[in-house]
Protein backbone atom coordinates (compact mmCIF):
# COMPACT_ATOMS: atom_id res chain seq x y z
CA MET A 1 122.30 41.56 -72.10
CA THR A 2 122.95 43.75 -69.08
CA ALA A 3 126.20 44.98 -70.65
CA ARG A 4 124.15 46.36 -73.54
CA TRP A 5 121.69 47.96 -71.14
CA GLU A 6 124.54 49.50 -69.21
CA ARG A 7 125.91 51.12 -72.36
CA ALA A 8 122.42 52.36 -73.23
CA VAL A 9 121.92 54.11 -69.89
CA ALA A 10 125.49 55.29 -69.40
CA GLY A 11 125.49 58.63 -67.63
CA LEU A 12 121.99 58.28 -66.20
CA ALA A 13 121.46 58.45 -62.46
CA ALA A 14 120.72 55.19 -60.65
CA PRO A 15 118.60 53.62 -59.26
CA LEU A 16 116.93 53.26 -62.64
CA ALA A 17 114.63 50.86 -64.49
CA VAL A 18 114.81 49.63 -68.06
CA VAL A 19 112.55 47.78 -70.47
CA ASP A 20 114.23 45.92 -73.31
CA LEU A 21 112.00 46.53 -76.32
CA ASP A 22 113.22 43.50 -78.27
CA ALA A 23 112.35 41.21 -75.36
CA PHE A 24 109.09 43.06 -74.66
CA ASP A 25 107.95 42.71 -78.29
CA ALA A 26 109.00 39.06 -78.43
CA ASN A 27 106.99 38.38 -75.28
CA ALA A 28 103.98 40.14 -76.83
CA ASP A 29 104.27 37.94 -79.91
CA ASP A 30 104.42 34.84 -77.73
CA LEU A 31 101.27 35.86 -75.83
CA VAL A 32 99.42 36.25 -79.12
CA ARG A 33 100.72 32.88 -80.33
CA ARG A 34 99.58 31.10 -77.19
CA ALA A 35 96.20 32.86 -77.32
CA GLY A 36 95.46 30.88 -80.48
CA GLY A 37 93.50 33.57 -82.29
CA LYS A 38 91.52 34.93 -79.35
CA PRO A 39 92.12 38.64 -78.63
CA VAL A 40 94.21 39.39 -75.55
CA ARG A 41 93.03 42.11 -73.18
CA VAL A 42 96.05 43.79 -71.57
CA ALA A 43 96.14 43.71 -67.77
CA SER A 44 97.25 47.24 -66.92
CA LYS A 45 98.31 46.40 -63.36
CA SER A 46 101.17 44.40 -64.88
CA VAL A 47 102.38 47.29 -67.06
CA ARG A 48 101.48 50.61 -65.33
CA CYS A 49 102.93 52.70 -68.14
CA ARG A 50 100.72 54.37 -70.74
CA ALA A 51 103.38 54.36 -73.45
CA LEU A 52 103.85 50.60 -73.16
CA LEU A 53 100.10 49.97 -72.98
CA ARG A 54 99.76 51.84 -76.27
CA ARG A 55 102.67 49.90 -77.75
CA VAL A 56 100.96 46.60 -76.97
CA LEU A 57 97.51 47.67 -78.12
CA ASP A 58 98.95 48.82 -81.45
CA ARG A 59 100.01 45.22 -82.13
CA PRO A 60 97.70 42.69 -83.83
CA GLY A 61 96.13 40.26 -81.38
CA PHE A 62 95.57 42.68 -78.50
CA SER A 63 92.32 44.49 -77.76
CA GLY A 64 91.12 46.41 -74.74
CA VAL A 65 92.48 47.10 -71.27
CA MET A 66 91.85 45.20 -68.05
CA ALA A 67 92.19 47.94 -65.43
CA TYR A 68 92.41 47.56 -61.66
CA SER A 69 90.86 50.86 -60.45
CA VAL A 70 87.90 52.97 -61.48
CA ARG A 71 89.99 56.13 -61.23
CA GLU A 72 92.61 54.52 -63.43
CA ALA A 73 89.91 53.62 -65.95
CA LEU A 74 88.61 57.20 -65.98
CA TRP A 75 92.12 58.48 -66.64
CA LEU A 76 92.77 55.96 -69.43
CA ALA A 77 89.41 56.66 -71.06
CA ALA A 78 90.10 60.40 -70.99
CA GLU A 79 93.48 59.71 -72.62
CA GLY A 80 91.89 57.89 -75.55
CA PHE A 81 91.98 54.24 -74.45
CA ALA A 82 88.87 52.41 -75.60
CA ASP A 83 87.13 49.42 -73.99
CA VAL A 84 88.46 49.59 -70.43
CA PHE A 85 87.24 46.80 -68.14
CA VAL A 86 87.78 47.36 -64.40
CA ALA A 87 88.14 43.75 -63.31
CA TYR A 88 87.74 44.39 -59.58
CA PRO A 89 84.69 45.66 -57.66
CA SER A 90 84.93 49.21 -56.33
CA GLY A 91 83.61 51.06 -53.31
CA ASP A 92 84.73 54.46 -54.64
CA ARG A 93 81.42 56.31 -54.89
CA ALA A 94 82.95 59.51 -56.28
CA ALA A 95 84.77 57.68 -59.07
CA LEU A 96 81.72 55.57 -59.91
CA HIS A 97 79.57 58.68 -60.11
CA ALA A 98 82.18 60.27 -62.41
CA VAL A 99 81.80 57.31 -64.77
CA ALA A 100 78.02 57.58 -64.78
CA ALA A 101 78.11 61.37 -65.23
CA ASP A 102 80.25 61.25 -68.37
CA ARG A 103 78.72 59.85 -71.56
CA HIS A 104 82.08 58.81 -73.02
CA ALA A 105 83.29 57.18 -69.82
CA ALA A 106 80.01 55.34 -69.31
CA SER A 107 80.19 53.91 -72.82
CA THR A 108 83.90 53.01 -72.59
CA ILE A 109 84.27 51.60 -69.06
CA THR A 110 82.87 48.31 -67.79
CA LEU A 111 82.66 47.73 -64.03
CA THR A 112 82.64 44.48 -62.07
CA VAL A 113 80.04 42.95 -59.74
CA ASP A 114 79.81 39.54 -58.13
CA SER A 115 76.89 39.88 -55.70
CA ALA A 116 73.48 41.42 -55.18
CA GLU A 117 75.10 43.61 -52.52
CA GLN A 118 77.43 45.16 -55.08
CA VAL A 119 74.54 45.60 -57.49
CA ALA A 120 72.65 47.52 -54.81
CA PHE A 121 75.73 49.67 -54.15
CA LEU A 122 75.95 50.64 -57.82
CA ALA A 123 72.20 51.13 -58.05
CA ALA A 124 72.45 53.81 -55.35
CA ILE A 125 74.88 55.85 -57.49
CA GLU A 126 73.26 58.74 -59.36
CA ARG A 127 73.44 57.69 -63.00
CA PRO A 128 72.85 60.24 -65.74
CA HIS A 129 74.15 57.52 -68.08
CA PRO A 130 73.71 53.77 -67.59
CA LEU A 131 76.62 51.82 -66.17
CA ARG A 132 78.07 48.80 -67.94
CA VAL A 133 78.91 45.82 -65.73
CA ALA A 134 80.45 42.38 -66.03
CA VAL A 135 79.92 39.58 -63.53
CA ASP A 136 82.99 37.95 -62.00
CA VAL A 137 82.54 34.19 -61.57
CA ASP A 138 84.67 32.03 -59.28
CA ALA A 139 87.09 29.95 -61.35
CA SER A 140 88.83 28.20 -58.45
CA LEU A 141 88.89 24.44 -57.97
CA HIS A 142 86.99 22.89 -55.07
CA VAL A 143 88.08 19.44 -53.92
CA GLY A 144 85.94 18.50 -50.94
CA PRO A 145 86.50 21.24 -48.35
CA LEU A 146 89.63 22.52 -50.16
CA HIS A 147 89.52 25.80 -52.05
CA LEU A 148 92.36 25.80 -54.61
CA GLY A 149 92.72 29.25 -56.12
CA VAL A 150 92.21 32.84 -55.06
CA ARG A 151 89.30 34.18 -53.02
CA ARG A 152 87.40 36.36 -55.44
CA SER A 153 83.79 35.92 -56.46
CA PRO A 154 81.29 33.94 -54.34
CA LEU A 155 79.45 32.95 -57.54
CA ARG A 156 80.12 29.50 -59.00
CA GLU A 157 77.05 27.90 -60.50
CA ALA A 158 74.91 29.06 -63.41
CA GLY A 159 71.82 29.73 -61.31
CA GLU A 160 73.76 31.94 -58.89
CA VAL A 161 75.22 33.98 -61.72
CA VAL A 162 71.87 34.39 -63.49
CA THR A 163 70.33 35.66 -60.23
CA VAL A 164 72.92 38.44 -60.00
CA VAL A 165 72.55 39.24 -63.70
CA ARG A 166 68.80 39.65 -63.32
CA ALA A 167 69.27 41.80 -60.21
CA ALA A 168 71.66 44.04 -62.13
CA GLN A 169 69.25 44.37 -65.03
CA ALA A 170 66.38 45.17 -62.68
CA ALA A 171 68.54 47.93 -61.16
CA GLY A 172 69.09 49.51 -64.58
CA LEU A 173 72.65 48.25 -65.08
CA ARG A 174 73.76 46.93 -68.48
CA VAL A 175 75.25 43.45 -68.14
CA VAL A 176 77.77 43.14 -70.97
CA GLY A 177 80.32 40.58 -69.83
CA LEU A 178 81.50 37.69 -67.70
CA MET A 179 84.92 37.05 -66.20
CA PHE A 180 86.61 33.83 -65.04
CA TYR A 181 90.15 34.12 -63.63
CA ASP A 182 91.83 30.74 -63.10
CA ALA A 183 94.60 31.87 -60.73
CA GLN A 184 95.47 28.32 -59.73
CA VAL A 185 96.35 27.63 -63.39
CA ALA A 186 97.52 31.02 -64.65
CA GLY A 187 99.47 32.12 -61.60
CA LEU A 188 101.22 28.98 -60.36
CA PRO A 189 104.54 27.78 -61.81
CA ASP A 190 104.84 24.09 -62.66
CA SER A 191 106.82 23.41 -59.51
CA SER A 192 105.74 19.84 -58.76
CA PRO A 193 103.63 16.92 -60.05
CA ALA A 194 100.97 17.89 -57.49
CA VAL A 195 100.68 21.41 -58.92
CA ARG A 196 100.49 20.05 -62.45
CA LEU A 197 97.72 17.68 -61.37
CA VAL A 198 95.76 20.57 -59.84
CA LYS A 199 96.13 22.52 -63.08
CA THR A 200 94.93 19.62 -65.23
CA ARG A 201 91.97 18.85 -63.00
CA SER A 202 91.03 22.51 -62.66
CA THR A 203 91.14 23.10 -66.40
CA ARG A 204 88.85 20.14 -67.02
CA GLU A 205 86.36 21.14 -64.31
CA LEU A 206 86.29 24.77 -65.39
CA LEU A 207 85.77 23.91 -69.05
CA GLY A 208 82.43 22.28 -68.28
CA ARG A 209 81.23 24.66 -65.59
CA ARG A 210 82.16 27.76 -67.55
CA ALA A 211 80.22 26.53 -70.58
CA GLU A 212 77.12 26.00 -68.42
CA VAL A 213 77.37 29.47 -66.87
CA VAL A 214 77.91 31.23 -70.18
CA ALA A 215 75.03 29.38 -71.86
CA ALA A 216 72.65 30.26 -69.02
CA VAL A 217 73.60 33.93 -68.95
CA ARG A 218 73.33 34.27 -72.73
CA GLN A 219 69.67 33.32 -72.34
CA VAL A 220 69.01 36.51 -70.37
CA ALA A 221 71.75 38.98 -71.41
CA ASP A 222 73.48 40.11 -74.58
CA LEU A 223 77.11 39.51 -73.67
CA GLY A 224 79.80 41.53 -75.38
CA PHE A 225 82.67 39.51 -73.93
CA VAL A 226 83.52 36.47 -71.84
CA ASN A 227 87.00 36.91 -70.38
CA GLY A 228 89.30 34.28 -68.94
CA GLY A 229 92.84 33.09 -68.53
CA GLY A 230 96.07 34.84 -67.67
CA THR A 231 99.69 34.85 -68.74
CA GLY A 232 100.24 31.36 -67.37
CA SER A 233 97.13 29.76 -68.87
CA LEU A 234 96.65 31.35 -72.31
CA HIS A 235 97.65 28.17 -74.14
CA VAL A 236 94.99 26.24 -72.19
CA ALA A 237 92.18 28.82 -72.08
CA SER A 238 92.53 29.48 -75.80
CA HIS A 239 90.88 26.11 -76.49
CA ASP A 240 87.70 26.97 -74.58
CA PRO A 241 84.96 27.96 -77.09
CA SER A 242 82.94 29.70 -74.37
CA LEU A 243 85.63 32.39 -73.98
CA THR A 244 85.62 35.29 -76.43
CA GLU A 245 88.83 36.89 -75.13
CA LEU A 246 91.77 36.24 -72.85
CA ALA A 247 93.74 38.44 -70.46
CA ALA A 248 97.48 38.81 -69.90
CA GLY A 249 100.01 41.36 -68.79
CA SER A 250 102.83 39.92 -66.67
CA GLY A 251 104.21 37.96 -69.59
CA LEU A 252 105.18 41.22 -71.31
CA PHE A 253 107.80 42.01 -68.65
CA GLY A 254 108.69 38.41 -67.75
CA PRO A 255 109.26 38.74 -63.97
CA THR A 256 110.84 35.97 -61.91
CA LEU A 257 107.54 34.42 -60.80
CA PHE A 258 107.13 33.20 -64.38
CA ASP A 259 110.47 31.42 -64.58
CA GLY A 260 109.03 28.09 -63.45
CA TYR A 261 106.51 27.33 -66.21
CA ARG A 262 107.21 24.33 -68.44
CA SER A 263 105.07 25.29 -71.44
CA PHE A 264 106.53 28.77 -71.99
CA ARG A 265 109.32 31.03 -70.77
CA PRO A 266 109.04 34.80 -71.26
CA ARG A 267 112.23 36.71 -71.89
CA PRO A 268 113.32 39.01 -69.03
CA ALA A 269 112.24 42.38 -70.46
CA ALA A 270 112.18 44.60 -67.36
CA ALA A 271 114.93 45.13 -64.83
CA PHE A 272 116.26 47.72 -62.43
CA ALA A 273 119.79 48.77 -61.57
CA LEU A 274 121.10 49.86 -58.17
CA PRO A 275 124.48 51.52 -57.58
CA VAL A 276 127.15 50.11 -55.32
CA VAL A 277 127.63 52.48 -52.37
CA ARG A 278 129.92 50.63 -49.96
CA ARG A 279 132.19 47.62 -49.49
CA PRO A 280 131.73 46.41 -45.90
CA ALA A 281 134.01 43.35 -46.23
CA PRO A 282 135.92 41.28 -48.78
CA GLY A 283 133.43 39.52 -51.04
CA VAL A 284 130.59 41.82 -50.00
CA VAL A 285 129.18 44.99 -51.54
CA THR A 286 126.18 47.09 -50.60
CA VAL A 287 123.85 48.75 -53.10
CA ALA A 288 121.45 51.63 -52.50
CA GLY A 289 117.80 50.67 -51.98
CA GLY A 290 116.40 47.39 -53.20
CA GLY A 291 113.58 46.61 -50.80
CA TYR A 292 111.07 46.13 -53.60
CA ILE A 293 109.24 43.11 -52.22
CA ALA A 294 106.28 41.92 -54.26
CA SER A 295 102.76 41.38 -52.95
CA GLY A 296 101.39 37.95 -52.20
CA PRO A 297 102.26 35.30 -49.60
CA PRO A 298 105.46 36.26 -47.78
CA GLY A 299 108.60 34.39 -48.76
CA TRP A 300 111.75 34.47 -50.87
CA SER A 301 109.77 34.06 -54.08
CA ARG A 302 108.56 37.65 -53.59
CA VAL A 303 112.07 39.14 -53.30
CA PRO A 304 113.96 40.67 -56.27
CA SER A 305 116.63 38.46 -57.80
CA VAL A 306 120.15 39.50 -58.82
CA LEU A 307 120.50 39.35 -62.59
CA ALA A 308 124.08 40.62 -62.99
CA PRO A 309 126.92 40.45 -62.23
CA ARG A 310 126.66 36.69 -61.90
CA GLY A 311 127.79 35.20 -58.64
CA LEU A 312 126.22 37.80 -56.36
CA ARG A 313 123.54 36.70 -53.94
CA LEU A 314 121.46 38.20 -51.16
CA LEU A 315 122.37 37.67 -47.53
CA ARG A 316 119.67 35.53 -45.97
CA ALA A 317 120.01 37.37 -42.69
CA GLU A 318 119.23 40.74 -44.31
CA GLY A 319 117.41 40.17 -47.62
CA VAL A 320 116.60 43.37 -49.49
CA GLY A 321 116.63 46.57 -47.48
CA GLU A 322 114.62 49.76 -47.34
CA VAL A 323 117.67 51.96 -48.02
CA GLN A 324 120.47 49.49 -48.72
CA THR A 325 120.99 45.86 -49.70
CA PRO A 326 124.19 43.88 -49.06
CA LEU A 327 125.30 41.24 -51.58
CA ARG A 328 127.86 38.48 -51.26
CA GLY A 329 129.85 36.65 -53.92
CA LYS A 330 133.09 36.48 -55.89
CA ALA A 331 131.89 39.23 -58.25
CA ALA A 332 131.76 41.67 -55.35
CA ASP A 333 135.52 42.21 -55.30
CA GLY A 334 135.43 43.41 -58.91
CA LEU A 335 132.86 46.14 -58.21
CA GLY A 336 133.52 49.70 -57.09
CA VAL A 337 131.40 52.50 -55.74
CA GLY A 338 129.00 53.68 -58.45
CA ASP A 339 129.02 50.43 -60.42
CA LEU A 340 125.61 48.95 -61.20
CA VAL A 341 124.04 45.73 -60.01
CA TRP A 342 121.01 44.58 -62.03
CA PHE A 343 117.91 42.96 -60.54
CA ARG A 344 114.65 41.45 -61.74
CA HIS A 345 111.44 42.04 -59.79
CA ALA A 346 109.32 39.08 -58.69
CA LYS A 347 106.16 40.57 -60.22
CA ALA A 348 105.57 42.76 -63.23
CA GLY A 349 103.78 46.07 -62.75
CA GLU A 350 104.76 46.57 -59.13
CA LEU A 351 108.22 47.58 -60.35
CA CYS A 352 106.63 50.77 -61.71
CA GLU A 353 105.47 51.76 -58.23
CA ARG A 354 109.16 52.30 -57.40
CA PHE A 355 110.24 54.32 -60.43
CA ASP A 356 108.96 57.50 -62.07
CA GLU A 357 110.23 56.51 -65.51
CA LEU A 358 111.25 53.56 -67.63
CA HIS A 359 114.21 53.74 -69.98
CA LEU A 360 113.28 51.87 -73.16
CA VAL A 361 116.34 50.27 -74.71
CA ARG A 362 117.08 48.27 -77.84
CA GLY A 363 120.46 46.62 -77.99
CA ASP A 364 122.88 49.15 -76.54
CA GLU A 365 120.81 52.19 -77.50
CA LEU A 366 118.44 54.24 -75.37
CA VAL A 367 115.33 54.60 -77.54
CA GLU A 368 113.12 56.66 -75.26
CA THR A 369 112.41 57.48 -71.62
CA VAL A 370 108.73 57.30 -70.69
CA PRO A 371 106.84 57.96 -67.45
CA THR A 372 105.22 55.25 -65.38
CA TYR A 373 101.83 55.85 -63.78
CA ARG A 374 103.75 57.07 -60.74
CA GLY A 375 105.82 59.41 -62.91
CA GLU A 376 102.63 60.98 -64.26
CA GLY A 377 101.47 61.60 -60.71
CA MET A 378 98.80 58.92 -60.92
CA SER A 379 98.51 56.48 -58.02
CA PHE A 380 95.62 54.04 -58.00
CA GLY A 381 96.44 51.82 -55.02
């Protein structure tokens, strides 16, 4: 695989990043298959490249963008992307006002709230056009005092959600959606029987609670969508009749954090190559850069992994470095200055925060070079 990529990018300056279109498209097909007929909203934070977002949305089974910033949503809407849902609350008054001031943006972009406080914040924005909002509902699992999942919305029960919906309506906001993100199911690999038990119990609990919340909110609001799931839980969330759509993005690139799932295995579609720049000792080479550590809890699971040549490994005492990364292994002695070492990132879209462009390859051919968000001069946090 990497030999083909190397032929495709021969002559290009490294460090560089590639996306294998055959693997990318196969991963897209698998997401649609596991979604079981429900449309998949593409999580832009896991792609961060307009050309690839368009490629996915042109495929059957995908519909709409799940954005992570209001400014990003404004940019995408201006570039022709329809139905952009910003799935995170925002405190950016200027960007929120820009949405409300533009008829097209206000009709295309949906914002997120999960409290009366956020409703009041949006209500204070001057609104020539009404804002569309969705309510984020906590999808974590509570077992006694334990909170299993991510800390997002404080809303859990139907009555709490309805209270916020009514507050939003009273403030002149249009409530058009609900969101439930089951991070403890979608984002955890099947690493142990205990994790699998948490996933099973969480799925069962959420199935009932989500149905109650959706039924209660539909009594007071005309919902356009009820969103749930993620790359790691599509095959489970697809069976929930209360959900009208699912969300996924990381599965398109297939980063290393998704190697540990038992029910599916995305193909590695995105990788980056770093050039060898020195040979400090027998069996050791050093490559330029490499300190692309992913967000989340600190640990080796967040560090890039060597893909090729096989037999190279990071030095535990140094890890990946800001300007250089040493590697040890038998393959080191066969590498010279300028040769490439290929890596996979732990997460998906964060790779694009390191590179201005992605080289799209198929087989051993370079199909196209496209800019990332960063390459277009757009940074959204």
